[in-house]
Amino acid sequence: MKLSLHGTGARMEKPKQETDQRKQRIVNAAIEVIREKGVKDTSTRDIAKRAGLTTGAIYHHYKNREALLYDVLHQSLHISHKITNNPETKTKKRKEVLEEVCNGVADRFSKTDDQRLYILLLSEIIAQNNDLTRQYAEFYKKILDETGDLFKYAFGIENAGIKKEVASLLVMALDGFAIQQSLGALPQKNEKMIRIFIEFFSESIPAYLKKHL
């Protein structure tokens, strides 16, 4: 009797796919409820109801509410995480990577509701000051490292120190933009500020590197 490895693999893949789909359904429901009620007033029961699941089903995938919030934040607006984890990035020309970064920035800033959600979740996680806070701090450091790698691909920066410094400044600016946008405090219309932001960093980074490398 022969065993079909292909068939076994397919049977194993299906449950994983279903699990991933269920978790995404929960995350999407959490995003909807948080947008409506805010982070503090969003309960696991609210999320379960919106997802059409029981609270037990939620806890099957997430040990607590905080773990779910982390997953929501993890999937949010970190463009560098998305780009650097694309295997094709390393093979692209510098101009193509820079264009992809600029498009990613413009896409992030165009999602005003997502920007506000990001700030709400980030504030909640910082306020927790617990293992979840430290877990996200490690993820944030990874984002900075990945952003540094983007500068390597886009501008040819090999110096590890400069990569981290410039990456930290860019991520600072991205999050600062999100705060101003969430407060409705941007000095110009959203579209104009997006253009200014992209032009500023696209032009200033090469000038800085020319002087300091």
Protein backbone atom coordinates (compact mmCIF):
# COMPACT_ATOMS: atom_id res chain seq x y z
CA MET A 1 0.00 0.00 0.00
CA LYS A 2 1.48 3.31 -1.11
CA LEU A 3 1.08 6.51 0.80
CA SER A 4 0.36 9.67 -1.12
CA LEU A 5 2.63 12.35 0.29
CA HIS A 6 0.93 14.97 -1.84
CA GLY A 7 -2.47 14.05 -0.49
CA THR A 8 -1.23 14.07 3.10
CA GLY A 9 0.33 17.47 2.60
CA ALA A 10 -2.88 18.83 1.17
CA ARG A 11 -4.85 17.52 4.16
CA MET A 12 -2.35 19.12 6.55
CA GLU A 13 -2.38 22.42 4.66
CA LYS A 14 -6.14 22.82 4.75
CA PRO A 15 -6.47 23.06 8.57
CA LYS A 16 -3.64 25.65 8.66
CA GLN A 17 -5.32 27.67 5.94
CA GLU A 18 -8.62 27.52 7.81
CA THR A 19 -6.88 28.61 11.03
CA ASP A 20 -5.23 31.56 9.28
CA GLN A 21 -8.55 32.56 7.75
CA ARG A 22 -10.29 32.33 11.14
CA LYS A 23 -7.60 34.46 12.80
CA GLN A 24 -7.83 37.06 10.04
CA ARG A 25 -11.59 37.12 10.51
CA ILE A 26 -11.07 37.83 14.20
CA VAL A 27 -8.50 40.55 13.49
CA ASN A 28 -10.81 42.22 10.96
CA ALA A 29 -13.66 42.15 13.47
CA ALA A 30 -11.40 43.66 16.14
CA ILE A 31 -10.41 46.49 13.81
CA GLU A 32 -14.07 47.30 13.06
CA VAL A 33 -15.11 47.34 16.72
CA ILE A 34 -12.08 49.35 17.89
CA ARG A 35 -12.78 51.98 15.23
CA GLU A 36 -16.34 52.29 16.53
CA LYS A 37 -15.82 52.04 20.29
CA GLY A 38 -12.15 52.75 20.94
CA VAL A 39 -9.61 50.40 22.50
CA LYS A 40 -10.69 50.64 26.15
CA ASP A 41 -14.38 49.98 25.44
CA THR A 42 -13.75 47.05 23.10
CA SER A 43 -14.27 43.68 24.79
CA THR A 44 -13.51 40.18 23.59
CA ARG A 45 -17.26 39.55 23.58
CA ASP A 46 -17.77 42.52 21.20
CA ILE A 47 -15.13 41.15 18.84
CA ALA A 48 -16.57 37.63 18.96
CA LYS A 49 -20.05 38.92 18.19
CA ARG A 50 -18.80 40.96 15.22
CA ALA A 51 -16.84 37.97 13.90
CA GLY A 52 -19.85 35.67 14.32
CA LEU A 53 -17.94 33.46 16.76
CA THR A 54 -18.05 32.52 20.44
CA THR A 55 -15.64 34.03 22.95
CA GLY A 56 -14.27 30.51 23.35
CA ALA A 57 -13.33 30.52 19.68
CA ILE A 58 -11.44 33.77 20.20
CA TYR A 59 -9.51 32.33 23.15
CA HIS A 60 -8.69 29.25 21.10
CA HIS A 61 -6.49 31.47 18.92
CA TYR A 62 -5.50 34.18 21.43
CA LYS A 63 -4.67 33.62 25.09
CA ASN A 64 -6.02 37.06 26.03
CA ARG A 65 -7.31 40.35 24.67
CA GLU A 66 -3.83 41.90 24.70
CA ALA A 67 -2.42 39.17 22.44
CA LEU A 68 -5.18 39.90 19.95
CA LEU A 69 -4.41 43.65 20.07
CA TYR A 70 -0.77 42.86 19.37
CA ASP A 71 -1.75 40.86 16.30
CA VAL A 72 -3.91 43.72 15.06
CA LEU A 73 -1.04 46.17 15.51
CA HIS A 74 1.45 43.72 14.00
CA GLN A 75 -0.56 43.70 10.77
CA SER A 76 -0.83 47.45 10.63
CA LEU A 77 1.16 50.08 8.84
CA HIS A 78 4.81 49.06 8.89
CA ILE A 79 5.67 49.36 5.21
CA SER A 80 9.32 48.39 5.72
CA HIS A 81 8.25 45.05 7.24
CA LYS A 82 6.13 44.29 4.18
CA ILE A 83 8.75 45.37 1.64
CA THR A 84 11.84 43.78 3.22
CA ASN A 85 10.01 40.47 3.67
CA ASN A 86 9.33 40.37 -0.07
CA PRO A 87 12.06 38.10 -1.58
CA GLU A 88 12.03 40.17 -4.79
CA THR A 89 13.22 43.32 -2.99
CA LYS A 90 16.88 42.18 -2.88
CA THR A 91 16.96 41.68 -6.63
CA LYS A 92 15.41 45.01 -7.60
CA LYS A 93 17.29 48.09 -8.74
CA ARG A 94 17.75 50.91 -6.24
CA LYS A 95 15.34 53.17 -8.12
CA GLU A 96 12.66 50.48 -8.02
CA VAL A 97 13.06 49.96 -4.26
CA LEU A 98 12.92 53.70 -3.58
CA GLU A 99 9.79 53.99 -5.70
CA GLU A 100 8.23 51.09 -3.78
CA VAL A 101 9.05 52.78 -0.46
CA CYS A 102 7.53 56.07 -1.64
CA ASN A 103 4.39 54.27 -2.82
CA GLY A 104 4.19 52.46 0.50
CA VAL A 105 4.46 55.73 2.43
CA ALA A 106 1.78 57.35 0.28
CA ASP A 107 -0.50 54.33 0.74
CA ARG A 108 -0.04 54.35 4.52
CA PHE A 109 -0.75 58.08 4.82
CA SER A 110 -3.84 57.83 2.62
CA LYS A 111 -5.47 55.47 5.15
CA THR A 112 -6.50 58.02 7.75
CA ASP A 113 -8.68 55.59 9.73
CA ASP A 114 -5.86 53.05 9.85
CA GLN A 115 -3.43 55.73 11.01
CA ARG A 116 -5.73 56.61 13.91
CA LEU A 117 -6.22 52.93 14.75
CA TYR A 118 -2.45 52.44 14.81
CA ILE A 119 -1.95 55.31 17.26
CA LEU A 120 -4.80 54.08 19.50
CA LEU A 121 -3.35 50.56 19.66
CA LEU A 122 0.22 51.76 20.13
CA SER A 123 -0.87 54.01 23.01
CA GLU A 124 -2.71 51.11 24.65
CA ILE A 125 0.27 48.79 24.38
CA ILE A 126 2.67 51.41 25.76
CA ALA A 127 0.28 52.09 28.66
CA GLN A 128 0.16 48.37 29.53
CA ASN A 129 3.89 48.39 30.44
CA ASN A 130 3.95 44.60 30.58
CA ASP A 131 5.21 41.64 28.55
CA LEU A 132 3.09 42.78 25.61
CA THR A 133 4.83 46.17 25.68
CA ARG A 134 8.24 44.53 25.68
CA GLN A 135 7.18 42.12 22.94
CA TYR A 136 6.14 44.99 20.71
CA ALA A 137 9.32 46.90 21.56
CA GLU A 138 11.31 43.98 20.13
CA PHE A 139 9.13 43.97 17.02
CA TYR A 140 9.63 47.73 16.70
CA LYS A 141 13.40 47.27 16.83
CA LYS A 142 13.04 44.72 14.06
CA ILE A 143 11.14 47.31 12.03
CA LEU A 144 14.05 49.74 12.48
CA ASP A 145 16.53 47.10 11.31
CA GLU A 146 14.37 46.29 8.28
CA THR A 147 14.02 49.98 7.46
CA GLY A 148 17.81 50.22 7.59
CA ASP A 149 17.98 47.37 5.08
CA LEU A 150 15.63 49.30 2.81
CA PHE A 151 18.13 52.16 2.78
CA LYS A 152 20.81 49.68 1.82
CA TYR A 153 18.75 48.56 -1.17
CA ALA A 154 17.51 52.05 -2.11
CA PHE A 155 20.62 54.16 -1.44
CA GLY A 156 23.46 51.66 -1.18
CA ILE A 157 24.16 52.37 2.52
CA GLU A 158 26.50 49.75 3.96
CA ASN A 159 27.49 51.57 7.18
CA ALA A 160 25.49 49.85 9.93
CA GLY A 161 25.47 52.87 12.24
CA ILE A 162 24.23 55.33 9.65
CA LYS A 163 21.61 52.85 8.44
CA LYS A 164 20.13 52.63 11.93
CA GLU A 165 20.27 56.38 12.55
CA VAL A 166 18.55 57.32 9.30
CA ALA A 167 16.03 54.48 9.71
CA SER A 168 15.16 55.67 13.21
CA LEU A 169 14.56 59.22 11.94
CA LEU A 170 12.29 58.01 9.13
CA VAL A 171 10.19 55.79 11.40
CA MET A 172 9.97 58.66 13.89
CA ALA A 173 8.64 60.88 11.13
CA LEU A 174 6.16 58.23 9.97
CA ASP A 175 4.72 57.84 13.45
CA GLY A 176 4.75 61.60 14.01
CA PHE A 177 2.78 62.06 10.80
CA ALA A 178 0.27 59.48 12.05
CA ILE A 179 -0.18 61.40 15.33
CA GLN A 180 -0.73 64.74 13.59
CA GLN A 181 -3.07 63.12 11.08
CA SER A 182 -5.08 61.44 13.84
CA LEU A 183 -5.45 64.76 15.67
CA GLY A 184 -6.36 66.62 12.49
CA ALA A 185 -3.33 68.85 13.10
CA LEU A 186 -1.52 68.59 9.74
CA PRO A 187 -0.65 72.10 8.48
CA GLN A 188 -1.78 71.33 4.92
CA LYS A 189 -4.22 69.02 3.17
CA ASN A 190 -3.36 65.34 3.45
CA GLU A 191 -2.40 64.95 -0.23
CA LYS A 192 -0.01 67.91 -0.14
CA MET A 193 1.65 66.74 3.10
CA ILE A 194 2.17 63.26 1.65
CA ARG A 195 3.92 64.79 -1.36
CA ILE A 196 6.07 67.05 0.82
CA PHE A 197 7.01 64.17 3.13
CA ILE A 198 8.11 61.91 0.27
CA GLU A 199 10.03 64.68 -1.52
CA PHE A 200 11.75 65.77 1.70
CA PHE A 201 13.12 62.32 2.55
CA SER A 202 13.88 61.35 -1.06
CA GLU A 203 15.99 64.49 -1.47
CA SER A 204 17.48 64.94 2.00
CA ILE A 205 18.74 61.39 2.58
CA PRO A 206 21.07 61.33 -0.47
CA ALA A 207 22.35 64.82 0.48
CA TYR A 208 23.06 63.67 4.05
CA LEU A 209 24.79 60.50 2.86
CA LYS A 210 26.95 62.43 0.41
CA LYS A 211 28.25 64.55 3.27
CA HIS A 212 28.69 61.86 5.93
CA LEU A 213 29.68 58.68 4.08
